[in-house]
Amino acid sequence: MNPNDLDRAQILACVNMPVSEGLLAEMLEECIKELCKAAQPRTIYRVLPVEHTKNGVRLGGLPLLGKDIALHLSGCREAVLLGATLSASVDALIRRSSVADMTKMIMYNGIANAAIEHVCNALEAEIKAKYPYPYYTERFSAGYGDFPLTQQGELVGLLDAARKIGLTVTPSQMLLPMKSVTAIMGMSHEPVKDARRICYAGSCEECPYHDDCKIRK
């Protein structure tokens, strides 16, 4: 992984520390280089049929639980299930720093968050170039809204990710290596919805939960 490929503004947002100049800025750049050297990004994806039923939505025959993911995939007949990981060596780097230097640990953790986002964005661009649907949903992961984290193992199994990229799931449904992602992107010939409760829309009015948002009330 090339350190120059990572967005410094995104890294600073993930690190959430005042690291604009001086020794901390130098430390951050060194941490970026060290983490990129340790990272061994691996990705996998499958394009699967989406079936909408009265009981919800199915992806490649797997029932997806919750109303949010069904709303997110409304109008989609196919979707991409993807997985990405930075590798166990990044987990080891973060774990070692948690004992030796907590400042570096915070930096490594934030850098890794930005790095896995970069890997996912690159994979998404590759998929969109290969499958030129006019509309794609945003990435939607287990744990968003009412799409339960307990389906993480089934998603990893559907990808055969343990065998193909070394991505596994703990009994508590956490991904290993830790700096990993699974997500679903709907593919459609019609405009799509963004049903994530983590709202990235430009305003509350654009959010799919605008009418019954408890926060606004």
C-alpha atoms as a PDB file:
ATOM      1  CA  MET A   1       0.000   0.000   0.000  1.00  0.00           C
ATOM      2  CA  ASN A   2       1.353   3.414  -0.986  1.00  0.00           C
ATOM      3  CA  PRO A   3       1.276   6.043   1.790  1.00  0.00           C
ATOM      4  CA  ASN A   4       0.663   8.744  -0.841  1.00  0.00           C
ATOM      5  CA  ASP A   5      -2.653   7.118  -1.753  1.00  0.00           C
ATOM      6  CA  LEU A   6      -4.177   7.820   1.660  1.00  0.00           C
ATOM      7  CA  ASP A   7      -6.175  10.998   2.218  1.00  0.00           C
ATOM      8  CA  ARG A   8      -4.476  12.974   4.980  1.00  0.00           C
ATOM      9  CA  ALA A   9      -7.647  14.907   5.841  1.00  0.00           C
ATOM     10  CA  GLN A  10      -9.517  11.641   6.304  1.00  0.00           C
ATOM     11  CA  ILE A  11      -6.696  10.254   8.429  1.00  0.00           C
ATOM     12  CA  LEU A  12      -6.753  13.330  10.671  1.00  0.00           C
ATOM     13  CA  ALA A  13     -10.521  12.974  11.068  1.00  0.00           C
ATOM     14  CA  CYS A  14     -10.112   9.303  12.018  1.00  0.00           C
ATOM     15  CA  VAL A  15      -7.207   9.971  14.396  1.00  0.00           C
ATOM     16  CA  ASN A  16      -9.151  12.830  16.029  1.00  0.00           C
ATOM     17  CA  MET A  17      -6.026  14.490  17.416  1.00  0.00           C
ATOM     18  CA  PRO A  18      -4.499  17.950  16.813  1.00  0.00           C
ATOM     19  CA  VAL A  19      -1.670  16.757  14.561  1.00  0.00           C
ATOM     20  CA  SER A  20      -1.257  19.661  12.136  1.00  0.00           C
ATOM     21  CA  GLU A  21       2.461  20.338  12.702  1.00  0.00           C
ATOM     22  CA  GLY A  22       5.543  19.631  14.838  1.00  0.00           C
ATOM     23  CA  LEU A  23       6.613  16.335  16.396  1.00  0.00           C
ATOM     24  CA  LEU A  24       3.128  14.813  16.340  1.00  0.00           C
ATOM     25  CA  ALA A  25       2.820  15.492  12.605  1.00  0.00           C
ATOM     26  CA  GLU A  26       6.195  13.838  12.028  1.00  0.00           C
ATOM     27  CA  MET A  27       5.126  10.876  14.152  1.00  0.00           C
ATOM     28  CA  LEU A  28       1.898  10.573  12.178  1.00  0.00           C
ATOM     29  CA  GLU A  29       3.733  10.462   8.848  1.00  0.00           C
ATOM     30  CA  GLU A  30       6.066   7.808  10.203  1.00  0.00           C
ATOM     31  CA  CYS A  31       3.095   5.790  11.443  1.00  0.00           C
ATOM     32  CA  ILE A  32       1.439   6.058   8.016  1.00  0.00           C
ATOM     33  CA  LYS A  33       4.576   4.633   6.378  1.00  0.00           C
ATOM     34  CA  GLU A  34       4.868   1.830   8.940  1.00  0.00           C
ATOM     35  CA  LEU A  35       1.217   0.824   8.661  1.00  0.00           C
ATOM     36  CA  CYS A  36       1.265   0.886   4.862  1.00  0.00           C
ATOM     37  CA  LYS A  37       4.364  -1.322   4.927  1.00  0.00           C
ATOM     38  CA  ALA A  38       2.615  -3.791   7.245  1.00  0.00           C
ATOM     39  CA  ALA A  39      -0.678  -3.822   5.331  1.00  0.00           C
ATOM     40  CA  GLN A  40      -1.404  -6.616   2.887  1.00  0.00           C
ATOM     41  CA  PRO A  41      -4.837  -5.641   1.548  1.00  0.00           C
ATOM     42  CA  ARG A  42      -6.990  -8.439   0.189  1.00  0.00           C
ATOM     43  CA  THR A  43     -10.468  -8.171  -1.275  1.00  0.00           C
ATOM     44  CA  ILE A  44     -13.224 -10.387  -2.574  1.00  0.00           C
ATOM     45  CA  TYR A  45     -16.701  -9.870  -4.005  1.00  0.00           C
ATOM     46  CA  ARG A  46     -19.650 -11.677  -5.554  1.00  0.00           C
ATOM     47  CA  VAL A  47     -22.510 -10.353  -7.670  1.00  0.00           C
ATOM     48  CA  LEU A  48     -25.660 -12.075  -6.432  1.00  0.00           C
ATOM     49  CA  PRO A  49     -29.372 -12.016  -7.284  1.00  0.00           C
ATOM     50  CA  VAL A  50     -31.702 -10.025  -5.038  1.00  0.00           C
ATOM     51  CA  GLU A  51     -35.168 -11.436  -4.364  1.00  0.00           C
ATOM     52  CA  HIS A  52     -37.850  -9.280  -2.747  1.00  0.00           C
ATOM     53  CA  THR A  53     -40.534 -11.226  -0.875  1.00  0.00           C
ATOM     54  CA  LYS A  54     -43.359 -10.384   1.494  1.00  0.00           C
ATOM     55  CA  ASN A  55     -41.072 -11.463   4.333  1.00  0.00           C
ATOM     56  CA  GLY A  56     -38.134  -9.297   3.330  1.00  0.00           C
ATOM     57  CA  VAL A  57     -35.198  -9.528   0.951  1.00  0.00           C
ATOM     58  CA  ARG A  58     -32.920 -12.421   0.005  1.00  0.00           C
ATOM     59  CA  LEU A  59     -29.378 -12.138  -1.351  1.00  0.00           C
ATOM     60  CA  GLY A  60     -28.135 -15.155  -3.253  1.00  0.00           C
ATOM     61  CA  GLY A  61     -30.789 -17.174  -1.424  1.00  0.00           C
ATOM     62  CA  LEU A  62     -29.740 -15.858   1.998  1.00  0.00           C
ATOM     63  CA  PRO A  63     -32.557 -14.056   3.874  1.00  0.00           C
ATOM     64  CA  LEU A  64     -31.312 -10.640   5.054  1.00  0.00           C
ATOM     65  CA  LEU A  65     -32.934  -9.588   8.305  1.00  0.00           C
ATOM     66  CA  GLY A  66     -34.335  -6.153   9.080  1.00  0.00           C
ATOM     67  CA  LYS A  67     -36.367  -3.536   7.252  1.00  0.00           C
ATOM     68  CA  ASP A  68     -33.420  -1.205   6.618  1.00  0.00           C
ATOM     69  CA  ILE A  69     -31.514  -3.506   4.277  1.00  0.00           C
ATOM     70  CA  ALA A  70     -34.752  -4.334   2.432  1.00  0.00           C
ATOM     71  CA  LEU A  71     -35.396  -0.607   1.947  1.00  0.00           C
ATOM     72  CA  HIS A  72     -31.791  -0.056   0.886  1.00  0.00           C
ATOM     73  CA  LEU A  73     -32.075  -2.722  -1.832  1.00  0.00           C
ATOM     74  CA  SER A  74     -35.543  -1.761  -3.043  1.00  0.00           C
ATOM     75  CA  GLY A  75     -35.619  -1.727  -6.834  1.00  0.00           C
ATOM     76  CA  CYS A  76     -32.420  -3.789  -7.099  1.00  0.00           C
ATOM     77  CA  ARG A  77     -32.400  -7.158  -8.827  1.00  0.00           C
ATOM     78  CA  GLU A  78     -28.700  -7.741  -8.221  1.00  0.00           C
ATOM     79  CA  ALA A  79     -26.249  -6.676  -5.533  1.00  0.00           C
ATOM     80  CA  VAL A  80     -22.561  -6.950  -4.778  1.00  0.00           C
ATOM     81  CA  LEU A  81     -21.463  -8.611  -1.570  1.00  0.00           C
ATOM     82  CA  LEU A  82     -17.883  -7.580  -0.844  1.00  0.00           C
ATOM     83  CA  GLY A  83     -15.211  -8.200   1.744  1.00  0.00           C
ATOM     84  CA  ALA A  84     -11.912  -6.430   2.382  1.00  0.00           C
ATOM     85  CA  THR A  85      -9.133  -6.717   4.955  1.00  0.00           C
ATOM     86  CA  LEU A  86      -5.826  -5.022   5.714  1.00  0.00           C
ATOM     87  CA  SER A  87      -4.405  -8.321   7.092  1.00  0.00           C
ATOM     88  CA  ALA A  88      -3.489  -9.692  10.500  1.00  0.00           C
ATOM     89  CA  SER A  89      -0.123  -7.907  10.371  1.00  0.00           C
ATOM     90  CA  VAL A  90      -1.912  -4.556  10.826  1.00  0.00           C
ATOM     91  CA  ASP A  91      -3.762  -5.935  13.856  1.00  0.00           C
ATOM     92  CA  ALA A  92      -0.403  -7.053  15.271  1.00  0.00           C
ATOM     93  CA  LEU A  93       1.122  -3.603  14.707  1.00  0.00           C
ATOM     94  CA  ILE A  94      -1.746  -1.914  16.562  1.00  0.00           C
ATOM     95  CA  ARG A  95      -1.619  -4.483  19.363  1.00  0.00           C
ATOM     96  CA  ARG A  96       2.138  -4.022  19.906  1.00  0.00           C
ATOM     97  CA  SER A  97       1.789  -0.235  20.008  1.00  0.00           C
ATOM     98  CA  SER A  98      -0.946  -0.472  22.645  1.00  0.00           C
ATOM     99  CA  VAL A  99       1.742  -1.747  25.019  1.00  0.00           C
ATOM    100  CA  ALA A 100       4.671   0.396  23.874  1.00  0.00           C
ATOM    101  CA  ASP A 101       3.153   3.768  22.876  1.00  0.00           C
ATOM    102  CA  MET A 102      -0.504   4.709  23.261  1.00  0.00           C
ATOM    103  CA  THR A 103      -0.137   7.797  21.056  1.00  0.00           C
ATOM    104  CA  LYS A 104       1.090   5.609  18.208  1.00  0.00           C
ATOM    105  CA  MET A 105      -1.688   3.134  18.887  1.00  0.00           C
ATOM    106  CA  ILE A 106      -4.294   5.872  18.433  1.00  0.00           C
ATOM    107  CA  MET A 107      -2.571   6.971  15.232  1.00  0.00           C
ATOM    108  CA  TYR A 108      -2.287   3.447  13.823  1.00  0.00           C
ATOM    109  CA  ASN A 109      -5.937   2.793  14.575  1.00  0.00           C
ATOM    110  CA  GLY A 110      -7.086   5.957  12.791  1.00  0.00           C
ATOM    111  CA  ILE A 111      -4.762   5.382   9.839  1.00  0.00           C
ATOM    112  CA  ALA A 112      -6.037   1.814   9.510  1.00  0.00           C
ATOM    113  CA  ASN A 113      -9.642   3.049   9.446  1.00  0.00           C
ATOM    114  CA  ALA A 114      -8.779   5.441   6.623  1.00  0.00           C
ATOM    115  CA  ALA A 115      -6.783   2.732   4.846  1.00  0.00           C
ATOM    116  CA  ILE A 116      -9.582   0.137   4.827  1.00  0.00           C
ATOM    117  CA  GLU A 117     -11.943   2.829   3.519  1.00  0.00           C
ATOM    118  CA  HIS A 118      -9.451   3.517   0.719  1.00  0.00           C
ATOM    119  CA  VAL A 119      -9.290  -0.209  -0.106  1.00  0.00           C
ATOM    120  CA  CYS A 120     -13.091  -0.456  -0.203  1.00  0.00           C
ATOM    121  CA  ASN A 121     -13.365   2.644  -2.409  1.00  0.00           C
ATOM    122  CA  ALA A 122     -10.845   1.188  -4.857  1.00  0.00           C
ATOM    123  CA  LEU A 123     -12.720  -2.127  -4.943  1.00  0.00           C
ATOM    124  CA  GLU A 124     -16.006  -0.287  -5.472  1.00  0.00           C
ATOM    125  CA  ALA A 125     -14.513   1.608  -8.427  1.00  0.00           C
ATOM    126  CA  GLU A 126     -13.276  -1.688  -9.906  1.00  0.00           C
ATOM    127  CA  ILE A 127     -16.725  -3.256  -9.567  1.00  0.00           C
ATOM    128  CA  LYS A 128     -18.512  -0.273 -11.110  1.00  0.00           C
ATOM    129  CA  ALA A 129     -16.131  -0.322 -14.079  1.00  0.00           C
ATOM    130  CA  LYS A 130     -16.822  -4.016 -14.671  1.00  0.00           C
ATOM    131  CA  TYR A 131     -20.592  -3.855 -14.079  1.00  0.00           C
ATOM    132  CA  PRO A 132     -21.754  -0.499 -15.515  1.00  0.00           C
ATOM    133  CA  TYR A 133     -25.176  -0.265 -13.890  1.00  0.00           C
ATOM    134  CA  PRO A 134     -26.469   3.335 -13.988  1.00  0.00           C
ATOM    135  CA  TYR A 135     -27.205   3.271 -10.248  1.00  0.00           C
ATOM    136  CA  TYR A 136     -25.506   1.746  -7.224  1.00  0.00           C
ATOM    137  CA  THR A 137     -26.484   2.044  -3.580  1.00  0.00           C
ATOM    138  CA  GLU A 138     -23.958   3.066  -0.944  1.00  0.00           C
ATOM    139  CA  ARG A 139     -22.222   0.242   0.897  1.00  0.00           C
ATOM    140  CA  PHE A 140     -24.422  -1.211   3.651  1.00  0.00           C
ATOM    141  CA  SER A 141     -22.907  -3.413   6.363  1.00  0.00           C
ATOM    142  CA  ALA A 142     -24.292  -5.749   8.987  1.00  0.00           C
ATOM    143  CA  GLY A 143     -24.737  -3.706  12.157  1.00  0.00           C
ATOM    144  CA  TYR A 144     -26.204  -0.684  10.329  1.00  0.00           C
ATOM    145  CA  GLY A 145     -29.725   0.131  11.506  1.00  0.00           C
ATOM    146  CA  ASP A 146     -31.704  -3.031  12.168  1.00  0.00           C
ATOM    147  CA  PHE A 147     -29.576  -5.206   9.845  1.00  0.00           C
ATOM    148  CA  PRO A 148     -28.176  -7.429  12.621  1.00  0.00           C
ATOM    149  CA  LEU A 149     -24.490  -7.993  13.213  1.00  0.00           C
ATOM    150  CA  THR A 150     -25.388 -11.625  13.861  1.00  0.00           C
ATOM    151  CA  GLN A 151     -25.534 -12.149  10.082  1.00  0.00           C
ATOM    152  CA  GLN A 152     -21.841 -11.356   9.721  1.00  0.00           C
ATOM    153  CA  GLY A 153     -20.870 -15.021   9.718  1.00  0.00           C
ATOM    154  CA  GLU A 154     -23.390 -15.846   6.998  1.00  0.00           C
ATOM    155  CA  LEU A 155     -22.083 -13.031   4.795  1.00  0.00           C
ATOM    156  CA  VAL A 156     -18.491 -14.161   5.243  1.00  0.00           C
ATOM    157  CA  GLY A 157     -19.589 -17.724   4.486  1.00  0.00           C
ATOM    158  CA  LEU A 158     -21.386 -16.631   1.329  1.00  0.00           C
ATOM    159  CA  LEU A 159     -18.126 -15.047   0.154  1.00  0.00           C
ATOM    160  CA  ASP A 160     -16.024 -18.063   1.219  1.00  0.00           C
ATOM    161  CA  ALA A 161     -13.833 -15.292   2.607  1.00  0.00           C
ATOM    162  CA  ALA A 162     -12.064 -17.400   5.237  1.00  0.00           C
ATOM    163  CA  ARG A 163     -10.530 -19.607   2.582  1.00  0.00           C
ATOM    164  CA  LYS A 164      -9.998 -16.958  -0.077  1.00  0.00           C
ATOM    165  CA  ILE A 165      -8.718 -13.915   1.840  1.00  0.00           C
ATOM    166  CA  GLY A 166      -8.309 -15.129   5.425  1.00  0.00           C
ATOM    167  CA  LEU A 167     -11.307 -13.166   6.730  1.00  0.00           C
ATOM    168  CA  THR A 168     -13.108 -14.895   9.587  1.00  0.00           C
ATOM    169  CA  VAL A 169     -15.732 -14.129  12.239  1.00  0.00           C
ATOM    170  CA  THR A 170     -15.459 -14.543  16.005  1.00  0.00           C
ATOM    171  CA  PRO A 171     -18.253 -16.132  18.099  1.00  0.00           C
ATOM    172  CA  SER A 172     -19.298 -12.568  18.995  1.00  0.00           C
ATOM    173  CA  GLN A 173     -19.664 -11.798  15.252  1.00  0.00           C
ATOM    174  CA  MET A 174     -16.623  -9.498  15.036  1.00  0.00           C
ATOM    175  CA  LEU A 175     -14.421  -9.690  11.953  1.00  0.00           C
ATOM    176  CA  LEU A 176     -10.853 -10.964  12.121  1.00  0.00           C
ATOM    177  CA  PRO A 177      -8.523  -9.415  11.107  1.00  0.00           C
ATOM    178  CA  MET A 178     -10.132  -6.476  12.923  1.00  0.00           C
ATOM    179  CA  LYS A 179      -9.446  -3.885  10.198  1.00  0.00           C
ATOM    180  CA  SER A 180     -11.824  -5.567   7.777  1.00  0.00           C
ATOM    181  CA  VAL A 181     -15.176  -4.812   6.180  1.00  0.00           C
ATOM    182  CA  THR A 182     -18.076  -6.681   4.651  1.00  0.00           C
ATOM    183  CA  ALA A 183     -20.759  -4.736   2.810  1.00  0.00           C
ATOM    184  CA  ILE A 184     -23.581  -4.960   0.302  1.00  0.00           C
ATOM    185  CA  MET A 185     -24.101  -2.601  -2.642  1.00  0.00           C
ATOM    186  CA  GLY A 186     -27.327  -2.757  -4.615  1.00  0.00           C
ATOM    187  CA  MET A 187     -27.221  -2.471  -8.435  1.00  0.00           C
ATOM    188  CA  SER A 188     -30.163  -0.959 -10.270  1.00  0.00           C
ATOM    189  CA  HIS A 189     -31.422   0.546 -13.507  1.00  0.00           C
ATOM    190  CA  GLU A 190     -33.553   2.978 -11.487  1.00  0.00           C
ATOM    191  CA  PRO A 191     -32.605   5.608  -8.850  1.00  0.00           C
ATOM    192  CA  VAL A 192     -31.789   3.991  -5.512  1.00  0.00           C
ATOM    193  CA  LYS A 193     -32.330   4.795  -1.839  1.00  0.00           C
ATOM    194  CA  ASP A 194     -29.779   5.287   0.928  1.00  0.00           C
ATOM    195  CA  ALA A 195     -31.352   3.625   3.952  1.00  0.00           C
ATOM    196  CA  ARG A 196     -28.356   3.860   6.262  1.00  0.00           C
ATOM    197  CA  ARG A 197     -29.179   5.342   9.647  1.00  0.00           C
ATOM    198  CA  ILE A 198     -25.679   6.820   9.597  1.00  0.00           C
ATOM    199  CA  CYS A 199     -26.901   9.680   7.453  1.00  0.00           C
ATOM    200  CA  TYR A 200     -24.447  11.037   4.900  1.00  0.00           C
ATOM    201  CA  ALA A 201     -27.099  13.061   3.114  1.00  0.00           C
ATOM    202  CA  GLY A 202     -26.756  16.791   2.597  1.00  0.00           C
ATOM    203  CA  SER A 203     -29.691  17.592   4.893  1.00  0.00           C
ATOM    204  CA  CYS A 204     -32.226  15.990   7.222  1.00  0.00           C
ATOM    205  CA  GLU A 205     -34.856  16.280   4.494  1.00  0.00           C
ATOM    206  CA  GLU A 206     -32.886  13.853   2.292  1.00  0.00           C
ATOM    207  CA  CYS A 207     -32.678  11.210   5.019  1.00  0.00           C
ATOM    208  CA  PRO A 208     -35.021   8.176   4.576  1.00  0.00           C
ATOM    209  CA  TYR A 209     -35.895   8.426   8.297  1.00  0.00           C
ATOM    210  CA  HIS A 210     -36.810  12.124   8.189  1.00  0.00           C
ATOM    211  CA  ASP A 211     -40.487  11.605   9.057  1.00  0.00           C
ATOM    212  CA  ASP A 212     -39.986   9.402  12.134  1.00  0.00           C
ATOM    213  CA  CYS A 213     -36.537  10.470  13.341  1.00  0.00           C
ATOM    214  CA  LYS A 214     -36.406  10.341  17.156  1.00  0.00           C
ATOM    215  CA  ILE A 215     -33.412  12.676  17.240  1.00  0.00           C
ATOM    216  CA  ARG A 216     -35.317  15.450  15.453  1.00  0.00           C
ATOM    217  CA  LYS A 217     -38.239  15.003  17.838  1.00  0.00           C
END
